[in-house]
C-alpha atoms as a PDB file:
ATOM      1  CA  UNK A   1       3.219 -10.939   0.834  1.00  0.00           C
ATOM      2  CA  UNK A   2       3.402 -10.086   4.626  1.00  0.00           C
ATOM      3  CA  UNK A   3       2.167  -6.756   5.358  1.00  0.00           C
ATOM      4  CA  UNK A   4       4.481  -4.564   8.076  1.00  0.00           C
ATOM      5  CA  UNK A   5       2.923  -2.536  10.998  1.00  0.00           C
ATOM      6  CA  UNK A   6       4.368   1.051  11.676  1.00  0.00           C
ATOM      7  CA  UNK A   7       5.833  -0.693  14.870  1.00  0.00           C
ATOM      8  CA  UNK A   8       8.443  -2.688  12.248  1.00  0.00           C
ATOM      9  CA  UNK A   9       9.799   0.450  11.671  1.00  0.00           C
ATOM     10  CA  UNK A  10      10.298   2.666  14.549  1.00  0.00           C
ATOM     11  CA  UNK A  11      12.570   4.966  13.375  1.00  0.00           C
ATOM     12  CA  UNK A  12      10.525   5.670  10.310  1.00  0.00           C
ATOM     13  CA  UNK A  13       7.568   6.111  12.292  1.00  0.00           C
ATOM     14  CA  UNK A  14       9.606   8.676  14.536  1.00  0.00           C
ATOM     15  CA  UNK A  15      10.700  10.535  11.701  1.00  0.00           C
ATOM     16  CA  UNK A  16       7.257  10.737  10.326  1.00  0.00           C
ATOM     17  CA  UNK A  17       6.152  12.119  13.714  1.00  0.00           C
ATOM     18  CA  UNK A  18       8.772  15.113  13.842  1.00  0.00           C
ATOM     19  CA  UNK A  19       8.075  15.769  10.177  1.00  0.00           C
ATOM     20  CA  UNK A  20       4.218  16.447  11.124  1.00  0.00           C
ATOM     21  CA  UNK A  21       5.451  18.489  13.908  1.00  0.00           C
ATOM     22  CA  UNK A  22       7.520  20.739  11.802  1.00  0.00           C
ATOM     23  CA  UNK A  23       4.678  21.015   8.997  1.00  0.00           C
ATOM     24  CA  UNK A  24       2.227  22.124  11.804  1.00  0.00           C
ATOM     25  CA  UNK A  25       4.700  24.632  12.994  1.00  0.00           C
ATOM     26  CA  UNK A  26       5.287  25.987   9.464  1.00  0.00           C
ATOM     27  CA  UNK A  27       2.002  25.652   8.186  1.00  0.00           C
ATOM     28  CA  UNK A  28       0.853  28.155  10.515  1.00  0.00           C
ATOM     29  CA  UNK A  29       3.447  30.825   9.122  1.00  0.00           C
ATOM     30  CA  UNK A  30       2.437  31.937   5.680  1.00  0.00           C
ATOM     31  CA  UNK A  31       5.998  33.527   5.049  1.00  0.00           C
ATOM     32  CA  UNK A  32       7.653  29.859   5.332  1.00  0.00           C
ATOM     33  CA  UNK A  33       5.616  28.261   2.542  1.00  0.00           C
ATOM     34  CA  UNK A  34       8.696  26.689   0.687  1.00  0.00           C
ATOM     35  CA  UNK A  35       9.969  25.418   3.853  1.00  0.00           C
ATOM     36  CA  UNK A  36       6.627  23.554   4.642  1.00  0.00           C
ATOM     37  CA  UNK A  37       6.797  21.963   1.286  1.00  0.00           C
ATOM     38  CA  UNK A  38      10.255  20.957   1.322  1.00  0.00           C
ATOM     39  CA  UNK A  39       9.484  18.886   4.978  1.00  0.00           C
ATOM     40  CA  UNK A  40       5.832  17.872   3.715  1.00  0.00           C
ATOM     41  CA  UNK A  41       7.629  16.377   0.773  1.00  0.00           C
ATOM     42  CA  UNK A  42       9.815  14.463   2.996  1.00  0.00           C
ATOM     43  CA  UNK A  43       6.846  13.422   5.186  1.00  0.00           C
ATOM     44  CA  UNK A  44       4.834  12.135   2.097  1.00  0.00           C
ATOM     45  CA  UNK A  45       7.746   9.912   0.971  1.00  0.00           C
ATOM     46  CA  UNK A  46       8.424   8.256   4.367  1.00  0.00           C
ATOM     47  CA  UNK A  47       4.686   7.914   4.898  1.00  0.00           C
ATOM     48  CA  UNK A  48       4.542   6.149   1.262  1.00  0.00           C
ATOM     49  CA  UNK A  49       7.270   3.753   2.224  1.00  0.00           C
ATOM     50  CA  UNK A  50       5.605   2.910   5.362  1.00  0.00           C
ATOM     51  CA  UNK A  51       2.093   2.215   3.880  1.00  0.00           C
ATOM     52  CA  UNK A  52       3.246   0.302   0.543  1.00  0.00           C
ATOM     53  CA  UNK A  53       3.613  -3.215   2.488  1.00  0.00           C
ATOM     54  CA  UNK A  54       0.100  -2.846   4.174  1.00  0.00           C
ATOM     55  CA  UNK A  55      -1.127  -2.113   0.620  1.00  0.00           C
ATOM     56  CA  UNK A  56       0.776  -4.810  -1.045  1.00  0.00           C
ATOM     57  CA  UNK A  57       3.345  -3.073  -2.818  1.00  0.00           C
ATOM     58  CA  UNK A  58       6.794  -4.015  -2.756  1.00  0.00           C
ATOM     59  CA  UNK A  59       9.374  -1.814  -1.405  1.00  0.00           C
ATOM     60  CA  UNK A  60      13.145  -1.739  -2.815  1.00  0.00           C
ATOM     61  CA  UNK A  61      16.171  -0.142  -1.966  1.00  0.00           C
ATOM     62  CA  UNK A  62      17.305   1.927  -4.976  1.00  0.00           C
ATOM     63  CA  UNK A  63      20.734   3.732  -5.465  1.00  0.00           C
ATOM     64  CA  UNK A  64      19.310   5.766  -8.486  1.00  0.00           C
ATOM     65  CA  UNK A  65      20.516   3.108 -10.990  1.00  0.00           C
ATOM     66  CA  UNK A  66      16.782   2.356 -12.157  1.00  0.00           C
ATOM     67  CA  UNK A  67      14.727   5.575 -13.201  1.00  0.00           C
ATOM     68  CA  UNK A  68      11.870   6.262 -10.793  1.00  0.00           C
ATOM     69  CA  UNK A  69       9.491   6.569 -13.239  1.00  0.00           C
ATOM     70  CA  UNK A  70      10.177   3.064 -14.279  1.00  0.00           C
ATOM     71  CA  UNK A  71       9.608   1.956 -10.460  1.00  0.00           C
ATOM     72  CA  UNK A  72       6.333   4.025 -10.389  1.00  0.00           C
ATOM     73  CA  UNK A  73       4.813   2.462 -13.526  1.00  0.00           C
ATOM     74  CA  UNK A  74       5.451  -1.116 -11.924  1.00  0.00           C
ATOM     75  CA  UNK A  75       3.905   0.103  -8.742  1.00  0.00           C
ATOM     76  CA  UNK A  76       7.236  -0.343  -6.815  1.00  0.00           C
ATOM     77  CA  UNK A  77       8.051   2.035  -4.218  1.00  0.00           C
ATOM     78  CA  UNK A  78      11.606   2.865  -4.170  1.00  0.00           C
ATOM     79  CA  UNK A  79      13.538   3.794  -0.705  1.00  0.00           C
ATOM     80  CA  UNK A  80      16.601   5.904  -1.981  1.00  0.00           C
ATOM     81  CA  UNK A  81      19.609   5.767  -0.854  1.00  0.00           C
END
């Protein structure tokens, strides 16, 4: 399985960078913790998708027909759409 570098997915890498900036801003404001965790969850999700090929994990596009728990048990990273 080939490993994909972040340069292969520039839009995803850009989204991660924007989310990092949002999280850094929100982290400095303790009154906005819920917003921080909302954006941090998306950041972690996109980072996992980007990192999966480098770790040898398959990435699939899932519309929700297959439960996420089954995919996780199979060590598959799902990109939901």
